[in-house]
Amino acid sequence: MNTNPDVDKLLSQKDHPLDVEIRRVREIILSTDERVEEAIKWSSPTFMKNGYIASFFMNAKNLVSLTFHKGAMIDDRRGLLEGDGKEA
């Protein structure tokens, strides 16, 4: 798994109430493909592979919020995703 120590540091500093859940989502994303990388963009952990994939929205405190940068292109037949952005 390709973790970034800067992201570890940011998550520790944030002391988010759902830290365990955020770290688990992070682990799942990074384990999908060894080419997926992470960095800090827009003050949030962001995942990349041939461009931006997704970023956490760290200001949400009562849920884990993950923005898919091209989420509007995902064929979400089950209706699991929420959002009204043009692309995200």
PDB file of N, CA and C in Angstrom:
ATOM      1  N   MET A   1       0.853  -1.179   0.000  1.00  0.00           N
ATOM      2  CA  MET A   1       0.000   0.000   0.000  1.00  0.00           C
ATOM      3  C   MET A   1       0.895   1.237   0.000  1.00  0.00           C
ATOM      4  N   ASN A   2       0.599   2.164  -0.871  1.00  0.00           N
ATOM      5  CA  ASN A   2       1.436   3.335  -1.112  1.00  0.00           C
ATOM      6  C   ASN A   2       0.981   4.518  -0.247  1.00  0.00           C
ATOM      7  N   THR A   3       1.337   4.503   1.041  1.00  0.00           N
ATOM      8  CA  THR A   3       0.919   5.590   1.933  1.00  0.00           C
ATOM      9  C   THR A   3       1.927   6.732   1.908  1.00  0.00           C
ATOM     10  N   ASN A   4       1.432   7.908   2.217  1.00  0.00           N
ATOM     11  CA  ASN A   4       2.250   9.115   2.245  1.00  0.00           C
ATOM     12  C   ASN A   4       2.341   9.596   3.698  1.00  0.00           C
ATOM     13  N   PRO A   5       3.547   9.745   4.243  1.00  0.00           N
ATOM     14  CA  PRO A   5       3.690  10.180   5.640  1.00  0.00           C
ATOM     15  C   PRO A   5       3.087  11.566   5.903  1.00  0.00           C
ATOM     16  N   ASP A   6       3.017  12.408   4.885  1.00  0.00           N
ATOM     17  CA  ASP A   6       2.377  13.721   5.058  1.00  0.00           C
ATOM     18  C   ASP A   6       0.886  13.574   5.347  1.00  0.00           C
ATOM     19  N   VAL A   7       0.266  12.573   4.732  1.00  0.00           N
ATOM     20  CA  VAL A   7      -1.159  12.319   4.992  1.00  0.00           C
ATOM     21  C   VAL A   7      -1.334  11.763   6.402  1.00  0.00           C
ATOM     22  N   ASP A   8      -0.454  10.865   6.816  1.00  0.00           N
ATOM     23  CA  ASP A   8      -0.499  10.360   8.200  1.00  0.00           C
ATOM     24  C   ASP A   8      -0.449  11.527   9.191  1.00  0.00           C
ATOM     25  N   LYS A   9       0.467  12.443   8.950  1.00  0.00           N
ATOM     26  CA  LYS A   9       0.630  13.603   9.842  1.00  0.00           C
ATOM     27  C   LYS A   9      -0.625  14.474   9.852  1.00  0.00           C
ATOM     28  N   LEU A  10      -1.175  14.746   8.667  1.00  0.00           N
ATOM     29  CA  LEU A  10      -2.392  15.564   8.587  1.00  0.00           C
ATOM     30  C   LEU A  10      -3.547  14.919   9.343  1.00  0.00           C
ATOM     31  N   LEU A  11      -3.742  13.623   9.153  1.00  0.00           N
ATOM     32  CA  LEU A  11      -4.840  12.937   9.839  1.00  0.00           C
ATOM     33  C   LEU A  11      -4.657  12.976  11.347  1.00  0.00           C
ATOM     34  N   SER A  12      -3.445  12.833  11.814  1.00  0.00           N
ATOM     35  CA  SER A  12      -3.192  12.912  13.256  1.00  0.00           C
ATOM     36  C   SER A  12      -3.471  14.306  13.799  1.00  0.00           C
ATOM     37  N   GLN A  13      -3.105  15.323  13.043  1.00  0.00           N
ATOM     38  CA  GLN A  13      -3.332  16.702  13.475  1.00  0.00           C
ATOM     39  C   GLN A  13      -4.807  17.073  13.467  1.00  0.00           C
ATOM     40  N   LYS A  14      -5.575  16.526  12.539  1.00  0.00           N
ATOM     41  CA  LYS A  14      -7.001  16.863  12.418  1.00  0.00           C
ATOM     42  C   LYS A  14      -7.806  16.344  13.602  1.00  0.00           C
ATOM     43  N   ASP A  15      -7.412  15.208  14.157  1.00  0.00           N
ATOM     44  CA  ASP A  15      -8.141  14.611  15.280  1.00  0.00           C
ATOM     45  C   ASP A  15      -9.641  14.566  14.980  1.00  0.00           C
ATOM     46  N   HIS A  16      -9.973  14.047  13.802  1.00  0.00           N
ATOM     47  CA  HIS A  16     -11.368  13.975  13.336  1.00  0.00           C
ATOM     48  C   HIS A  16     -12.151  12.960  14.175  1.00  0.00           C
ATOM     49  N   PRO A  17     -13.430  13.241  14.492  1.00  0.00           N
ATOM     50  CA  PRO A  17     -14.211  12.292  15.300  1.00  0.00           C
ATOM     51  C   PRO A  17     -14.407  10.939  14.616  1.00  0.00           C
ATOM     52  N   LEU A  18     -14.271  10.893  13.297  1.00  0.00           N
ATOM     53  CA  LEU A  18     -14.415   9.626  12.566  1.00  0.00           C
ATOM     54  C   LEU A  18     -13.068   9.181  11.978  1.00  0.00           C
ATOM     55  N   ASP A  19     -12.018   9.420  12.721  1.00  0.00           N
ATOM     56  CA  ASP A  19     -10.668   9.098  12.261  1.00  0.00           C
ATOM     57  C   ASP A  19     -10.523   7.631  11.879  1.00  0.00           C
ATOM     58  N   VAL A  20     -11.043   6.739  12.663  1.00  0.00           N
ATOM     59  CA  VAL A  20     -10.928   5.300  12.375  1.00  0.00           C
ATOM     60  C   VAL A  20     -11.581   4.984  11.037  1.00  0.00           C
ATOM     61  N   GLU A  21     -12.757   5.538  10.801  1.00  0.00           N
ATOM     62  CA  GLU A  21     -13.481   5.276   9.556  1.00  0.00           C
ATOM     63  C   GLU A  21     -12.757   5.901   8.354  1.00  0.00           C
ATOM     64  N   ILE A  22     -12.248   7.105   8.523  1.00  0.00           N
ATOM     65  CA  ILE A  22     -11.510   7.772   7.443  1.00  0.00           C
ATOM     66  C   ILE A  22     -10.272   6.954   7.086  1.00  0.00           C
ATOM     67  N   ARG A  23      -9.568   6.490   8.091  1.00  0.00           N
ATOM     68  CA  ARG A  23      -8.363   5.687   7.826  1.00  0.00           C
ATOM     69  C   ARG A  23      -8.708   4.367   7.134  1.00  0.00           C
ATOM     70  N   ARG A  24      -9.860   3.802   7.460  1.00  0.00           N
ATOM     71  CA  ARG A  24     -10.274   2.549   6.808  1.00  0.00           C
ATOM     72  C   ARG A  24     -10.626   2.802   5.338  1.00  0.00           C
ATOM     73  N   VAL A  25     -11.332   3.880   5.044  1.00  0.00           N
ATOM     74  CA  VAL A  25     -11.644   4.222   3.657  1.00  0.00           C
ATOM     75  C   VAL A  25     -10.342   4.461   2.888  1.00  0.00           C
ATOM     76  N   ARG A  26      -9.424   5.161   3.508  1.00  0.00           N
ATOM     77  CA  ARG A  26      -8.111   5.406   2.904  1.00  0.00           C
ATOM     78  C   ARG A  26      -7.435   4.086   2.561  1.00  0.00           C
ATOM     79  N   GLU A  27      -7.432   3.160   3.503  1.00  0.00           N
ATOM     80  CA  GLU A  27      -6.814   1.854   3.298  1.00  0.00           C
ATOM     81  C   GLU A  27      -7.463   1.108   2.129  1.00  0.00           C
ATOM     82  N   ILE A  28      -8.773   1.149   2.068  1.00  0.00           N
ATOM     83  CA  ILE A  28      -9.495   0.471   0.985  1.00  0.00           C
ATOM     84  C   ILE A  28      -9.101   1.060  -0.366  1.00  0.00           C
ATOM     85  N   ILE A  29      -9.090   2.384  -0.460  1.00  0.00           N
ATOM     86  CA  ILE A  29      -8.749   3.034  -1.729  1.00  0.00           C
ATOM     87  C   ILE A  29      -7.325   2.696  -2.149  1.00  0.00           C
ATOM     88  N   LEU A  30      -6.385   2.816  -1.225  1.00  0.00           N
ATOM     89  CA  LEU A  30      -4.989   2.565  -1.563  1.00  0.00           C
ATOM     90  C   LEU A  30      -4.718   1.102  -1.893  1.00  0.00           C
ATOM     91  N   SER A  31      -5.536   0.201  -1.382  1.00  0.00           N
ATOM     92  CA  SER A  31      -5.311  -1.219  -1.642  1.00  0.00           C
ATOM     93  C   SER A  31      -5.923  -1.686  -2.964  1.00  0.00           C
ATOM     94  N   THR A  32      -6.681  -0.831  -3.640  1.00  0.00           N
ATOM     95  CA  THR A  32      -7.313  -1.252  -4.895  1.00  0.00           C
ATOM     96  C   THR A  32      -6.323  -1.421  -6.030  1.00  0.00           C
ATOM     97  N   ASP A  33      -5.239  -0.635  -6.010  1.00  0.00           N
ATOM     98  CA  ASP A  33      -4.275  -0.670  -7.101  1.00  0.00           C
ATOM     99  C   ASP A  33      -2.978  -0.048  -6.585  1.00  0.00           C
ATOM    100  N   GLU A  34      -1.873  -0.725  -6.776  1.00  0.00           N
ATOM    101  CA  GLU A  34      -0.597  -0.217  -6.257  1.00  0.00           C
ATOM    102  C   GLU A  34      -0.171   1.094  -6.907  1.00  0.00           C
ATOM    103  N   ARG A  35      -0.798   1.457  -8.013  1.00  0.00           N
ATOM    104  CA  ARG A  35      -0.456   2.717  -8.681  1.00  0.00           C
ATOM    105  C   ARG A  35      -1.221   3.919  -8.118  1.00  0.00           C
ATOM    106  N   VAL A  36      -2.186   3.671  -7.248  1.00  0.00           N
ATOM    107  CA  VAL A  36      -2.913   4.768  -6.605  1.00  0.00           C
ATOM    108  C   VAL A  36      -1.986   5.419  -5.583  1.00  0.00           C
ATOM    109  N   GLU A  37      -1.870   6.729  -5.680  1.00  0.00           N
ATOM    110  CA  GLU A  37      -1.041   7.499  -4.761  1.00  0.00           C
ATOM    111  C   GLU A  37      -1.914   8.457  -3.981  1.00  0.00           C
ATOM    112  N   GLU A  38      -1.366   8.989  -2.908  1.00  0.00           N
ATOM    113  CA  GLU A  38      -2.086   9.976  -2.127  1.00  0.00           C
ATOM    114  C   GLU A  38      -1.179  11.164  -1.849  1.00  0.00           C
ATOM    115  N   ALA A  39      -1.806  12.300  -1.687  1.00  0.00           N
ATOM    116  CA  ALA A  39      -1.103  13.536  -1.364  1.00  0.00           C
ATOM    117  C   ALA A  39      -2.103  14.436  -0.649  1.00  0.00           C
ATOM    118  N   ILE A  40      -1.618  15.580  -0.230  1.00  0.00           N
ATOM    119  CA  ILE A  40      -2.506  16.574   0.371  1.00  0.00           C
ATOM    120  C   ILE A  40      -2.766  17.655  -0.670  1.00  0.00           C
ATOM    121  N   LYS A  41      -4.001  17.801  -1.052  1.00  0.00           N
ATOM    122  CA  LYS A  41      -4.443  18.856  -1.963  1.00  0.00           C
ATOM    123  C   LYS A  41      -5.682  19.481  -1.341  1.00  0.00           C
ATOM    124  N   TRP A  42      -5.798  20.766  -1.465  1.00  0.00           N
ATOM    125  CA  TRP A  42      -6.954  21.473  -0.909  1.00  0.00           C
ATOM    126  C   TRP A  42      -7.111  21.181   0.583  1.00  0.00           C
ATOM    127  N   SER A  43      -6.000  21.022   1.288  1.00  0.00           N
ATOM    128  CA  SER A  43      -5.950  20.743   2.734  1.00  0.00           C
ATOM    129  C   SER A  43      -6.617  19.425   3.112  1.00  0.00           C
ATOM    130  N   SER A  44      -6.658  18.492   2.180  1.00  0.00           N
ATOM    131  CA  SER A  44      -7.312  17.203   2.419  1.00  0.00           C
ATOM    132  C   SER A  44      -6.526  16.070   1.773  1.00  0.00           C
ATOM    133  N   PRO A  45      -6.631  14.860   2.339  1.00  0.00           N
ATOM    134  CA  PRO A  45      -6.054  13.712   1.661  1.00  0.00           C
ATOM    135  C   PRO A  45      -6.741  13.520   0.309  1.00  0.00           C
ATOM    136  N   THR A  46      -5.917  13.379  -0.736  1.00  0.00           N
ATOM    137  CA  THR A  46      -6.422  13.250  -2.098  1.00  0.00           C
ATOM    138  C   THR A  46      -5.747  12.060  -2.759  1.00  0.00           C
ATOM    139  N   PHE A  47      -6.533  11.305  -3.523  1.00  0.00           N
ATOM    140  CA  PHE A  47      -6.041  10.096  -4.184  1.00  0.00           C
ATOM    141  C   PHE A  47      -5.923  10.351  -5.679  1.00  0.00           C
ATOM    142  N   MET A  48      -4.841   9.810  -6.271  1.00  0.00           N
ATOM    143  CA  MET A  48      -4.554  10.061  -7.671  1.00  0.00           C
ATOM    144  C   MET A  48      -4.067   8.803  -8.368  1.00  0.00           C
ATOM    145  N   LYS A  49      -4.439   8.696  -9.616  1.00  0.00           N
ATOM    146  CA  LYS A  49      -3.892   7.706 -10.553  1.00  0.00           C
ATOM    147  C   LYS A  49      -4.275   8.214 -11.928  1.00  0.00           C
ATOM    148  N   ASN A  50      -3.317   8.681 -12.672  1.00  0.00           N
ATOM    149  CA  ASN A  50      -3.607   9.310 -13.976  1.00  0.00           C
ATOM    150  C   ASN A  50      -4.588  10.463 -13.800  1.00  0.00           C
ATOM    151  N   GLY A  51      -4.387  11.272 -12.798  1.00  0.00           N
ATOM    152  CA  GLY A  51      -5.275  12.383 -12.479  1.00  0.00           C
ATOM    153  C   GLY A  51      -5.906  12.173 -11.119  1.00  0.00           C
ATOM    154  N   TYR A  52      -6.686  13.143 -10.715  1.00  0.00           N
ATOM    155  CA  TYR A  52      -7.328  13.077  -9.404  1.00  0.00           C
ATOM    156  C   TYR A  52      -8.490  12.095  -9.426  1.00  0.00           C
ATOM    157  N   ILE A  53      -8.573  11.277  -8.380  1.00  0.00           N
ATOM    158  CA  ILE A  53      -9.667  10.319  -8.235  1.00  0.00           C
ATOM    159  C   ILE A  53     -10.682  10.857  -7.237  1.00  0.00           C
ATOM    160  N   ALA A  54     -10.208  11.133  -6.021  1.00  0.00           N
ATOM    161  CA  ALA A  54     -11.132  11.522  -4.953  1.00  0.00           C
ATOM    162  C   ALA A  54     -10.375  12.244  -3.855  1.00  0.00           C
ATOM    163  N   SER A  55     -11.116  13.056  -3.097  1.00  0.00           N
ATOM    164  CA  SER A  55     -10.571  13.761  -1.936  1.00  0.00           C
ATOM    165  C   SER A  55     -11.561  13.671  -0.787  1.00  0.00           C
ATOM    166  N   PHE A  56     -11.028  13.562   0.421  1.00  0.00           N
ATOM    167  CA  PHE A  56     -11.882  13.651   1.600  1.00  0.00           C
ATOM    168  C   PHE A  56     -12.289  15.108   1.795  1.00  0.00           C
ATOM    169  N   PHE A  57     -13.498  15.313   2.285  1.00  0.00           N
ATOM    170  CA  PHE A  57     -13.947  16.632   2.739  1.00  0.00           C
ATOM    171  C   PHE A  57     -13.881  16.577   4.248  1.00  0.00           C
ATOM    172  N   MET A  58     -12.803  17.127   4.801  1.00  0.00           N
ATOM    173  CA  MET A  58     -12.505  16.963   6.222  1.00  0.00           C
ATOM    174  C   MET A  58     -13.349  17.837   7.143  1.00  0.00           C
ATOM    175  N   ASN A  59     -14.111  18.775   6.606  1.00  0.00           N
ATOM    176  CA  ASN A  59     -14.944  19.639   7.459  1.00  0.00           C
ATOM    177  C   ASN A  59     -16.229  18.951   7.905  1.00  0.00           C
ATOM    178  N   ALA A  60     -16.634  17.889   7.236  1.00  0.00           N
ATOM    179  CA  ALA A  60     -17.805  17.127   7.668  1.00  0.00           C
ATOM    180  C   ALA A  60     -17.419  16.353   8.923  1.00  0.00           C
ATOM    181  N   LYS A  61     -18.147  16.537   9.995  1.00  0.00           N
ATOM    182  CA  LYS A  61     -17.777  15.907  11.270  1.00  0.00           C
ATOM    183  C   LYS A  61     -18.662  14.725  11.648  1.00  0.00           C
ATOM    184  N   ASN A  62     -19.836  14.605  11.033  1.00  0.00           N
ATOM    185  CA  ASN A  62     -20.750  13.527  11.419  1.00  0.00           C
ATOM    186  C   ASN A  62     -20.823  12.408  10.381  1.00  0.00           C
ATOM    187  N   LEU A  63     -19.996  12.515   9.334  1.00  0.00           N
ATOM    188  CA  LEU A  63     -19.936  11.463   8.321  1.00  0.00           C
ATOM    189  C   LEU A  63     -18.606  11.537   7.597  1.00  0.00           C
ATOM    190  N   VAL A  64     -18.253  10.459   6.927  1.00  0.00           N
ATOM    191  CA  VAL A  64     -17.055  10.441   6.099  1.00  0.00           C
ATOM    192  C   VAL A  64     -17.482  10.904   4.721  1.00  0.00           C
ATOM    193  N   SER A  65     -16.959  12.046   4.298  1.00  0.00           N
ATOM    194  CA  SER A  65     -17.336  12.626   3.010  1.00  0.00           C
ATOM    195  C   SER A  65     -16.164  12.507   2.047  1.00  0.00           C
ATOM    196  N   LEU A  66     -16.413  11.830   0.939  1.00  0.00           N
ATOM    197  CA  LEU A  66     -15.401  11.609  -0.080  1.00  0.00           C
ATOM    198  C   LEU A  66     -15.946  12.133  -1.400  1.00  0.00           C
ATOM    199  N   THR A  67     -15.229  13.061  -2.003  1.00  0.00           N
ATOM    200  CA  THR A  67     -15.646  13.633  -3.277  1.00  0.00           C
ATOM    201  C   THR A  67     -14.912  12.930  -4.405  1.00  0.00           C
ATOM    202  N   PHE A  68     -15.655  12.332  -5.322  1.00  0.00           N
ATOM    203  CA  PHE A  68     -15.075  11.745  -6.521  1.00  0.00           C
ATOM    204  C   PHE A  68     -15.011  12.846  -7.567  1.00  0.00           C
ATOM    205  N   HIS A  69     -13.823  13.162  -8.029  1.00  0.00           N
ATOM    206  CA  HIS A  69     -13.633  14.313  -8.904  1.00  0.00           C
ATOM    207  C   HIS A  69     -14.341  14.173 -10.247  1.00  0.00           C
ATOM    208  N   LYS A  70     -14.576  12.977 -10.690  1.00  0.00           N
ATOM    209  CA  LYS A  70     -15.330  12.727 -11.924  1.00  0.00           C
ATOM    210  C   LYS A  70     -16.531  11.834 -11.601  1.00  0.00           C
ATOM    211  N   GLY A  71     -17.108  12.051 -10.433  1.00  0.00           N
ATOM    212  CA  GLY A  71     -18.203  11.205  -9.963  1.00  0.00           C
ATOM    213  C   GLY A  71     -19.420  11.199 -10.866  1.00  0.00           C
ATOM    214  N   ALA A  72     -19.661  12.296 -11.575  1.00  0.00           N
ATOM    215  CA  ALA A  72     -20.819  12.355 -12.465  1.00  0.00           C
ATOM    216  C   ALA A  72     -20.691  11.350 -13.603  1.00  0.00           C
ATOM    217  N   MET A  73     -19.489  10.871 -13.847  1.00  0.00           N
ATOM    218  CA  MET A  73     -19.263   9.904 -14.920  1.00  0.00           C
ATOM    219  C   MET A  73     -19.416   8.458 -14.451  1.00  0.00           C
ATOM    220  N   ILE A  74     -19.577   8.249 -13.156  1.00  0.00           N
ATOM    221  CA  ILE A  74     -19.711   6.898 -12.611  1.00  0.00           C
ATOM    222  C   ILE A  74     -21.122   6.394 -12.861  1.00  0.00           C
ATOM    223  N   ASP A  75     -21.226   5.185 -13.405  1.00  0.00           N
ATOM    224  CA  ASP A  75     -22.523   4.552 -13.652  1.00  0.00           C
ATOM    225  C   ASP A  75     -23.011   3.963 -12.319  1.00  0.00           C
ATOM    226  N   ASP A  76     -23.745   4.772 -11.568  1.00  0.00           N
ATOM    227  CA  ASP A  76     -24.198   4.413 -10.217  1.00  0.00           C
ATOM    228  C   ASP A  76     -25.616   3.855 -10.280  1.00  0.00           C
ATOM    229  N   ARG A  77     -25.752   2.660 -10.776  1.00  0.00           N
ATOM    230  CA  ARG A  77     -27.076   2.040 -10.967  1.00  0.00           C
ATOM    231  C   ARG A  77     -27.819   1.800  -9.663  1.00  0.00           C
ATOM    232  N   ARG A  78     -27.093   1.666  -8.576  1.00  0.00           N
ATOM    233  CA  ARG A  78     -27.745   1.425  -7.279  1.00  0.00           C
ATOM    234  C   ARG A  78     -28.090   2.712  -6.548  1.00  0.00           C
ATOM    235  N   GLY A  79     -27.642   3.837  -7.055  1.00  0.00           N
ATOM    236  CA  GLY A  79     -27.954   5.110  -6.427  1.00  0.00           C
ATOM    237  C   GLY A  79     -27.245   5.326  -5.105  1.00  0.00           C
ATOM    238  N   LEU A  80     -26.044   4.828  -4.975  1.00  0.00           N
ATOM    239  CA  LEU A  80     -25.298   4.944  -3.723  1.00  0.00           C
ATOM    240  C   LEU A  80     -24.617   6.296  -3.554  1.00  0.00           C
ATOM    241  N   LEU A  81     -24.326   6.959  -4.676  1.00  0.00           N
ATOM    242  CA  LEU A  81     -23.615   8.228  -4.615  1.00  0.00           C
ATOM    243  C   LEU A  81     -24.588   9.392  -4.519  1.00  0.00           C
ATOM    244  N   GLU A  82     -24.167  10.438  -3.833  1.00  0.00           N
ATOM    245  CA  GLU A  82     -24.978  11.659  -3.722  1.00  0.00           C
ATOM    246  C   GLU A  82     -24.170  12.820  -4.248  1.00  0.00           C
ATOM    247  N   GLY A  83     -24.839  13.798  -4.786  1.00  0.00           N
ATOM    248  CA  GLY A  83     -24.146  14.987  -5.245  1.00  0.00           C
ATOM    249  C   GLY A  83     -24.879  15.633  -6.401  1.00  0.00           C
ATOM    250  N   ASP A  84     -24.597  16.897  -6.580  1.00  0.00           N
ATOM    251  CA  ASP A  84     -25.245  17.610  -7.661  1.00  0.00           C
ATOM    252  C   ASP A  84     -24.247  18.458  -8.446  1.00  0.00           C
ATOM    253  N   GLY A  85     -22.975  18.133  -8.301  1.00  0.00           N
ATOM    254  CA  GLY A  85     -21.945  18.865  -9.024  1.00  0.00           C
ATOM    255  C   GLY A  85     -21.934  18.502 -10.503  1.00  0.00           C
ATOM    256  N   LYS A  86     -21.403  19.404 -11.304  1.00  0.00           N
ATOM    257  CA  LYS A  86     -21.321  19.175 -12.734  1.00  0.00           C
ATOM    258  C   LYS A  86     -20.441  17.964 -13.051  1.00  0.00           C
ATOM    259  N   GLU A  87     -19.352  17.823 -12.319  1.00  0.00           N
ATOM    260  CA  GLU A  87     -18.449  16.675 -12.522  1.00  0.00           C
ATOM    261  C   GLU A  87     -18.300  15.822 -11.276  1.00  0.00           C
ATOM    262  N   ALA A  88     -18.195  16.486 -10.130  1.00  0.00           N
ATOM    263  CA  ALA A  88     -17.932  15.757  -8.879  1.00  0.00           C
ATOM    264  C   ALA A  88     -19.211  15.204  -8.275  1.00  0.00           C
TER     265      ALA A  88
END
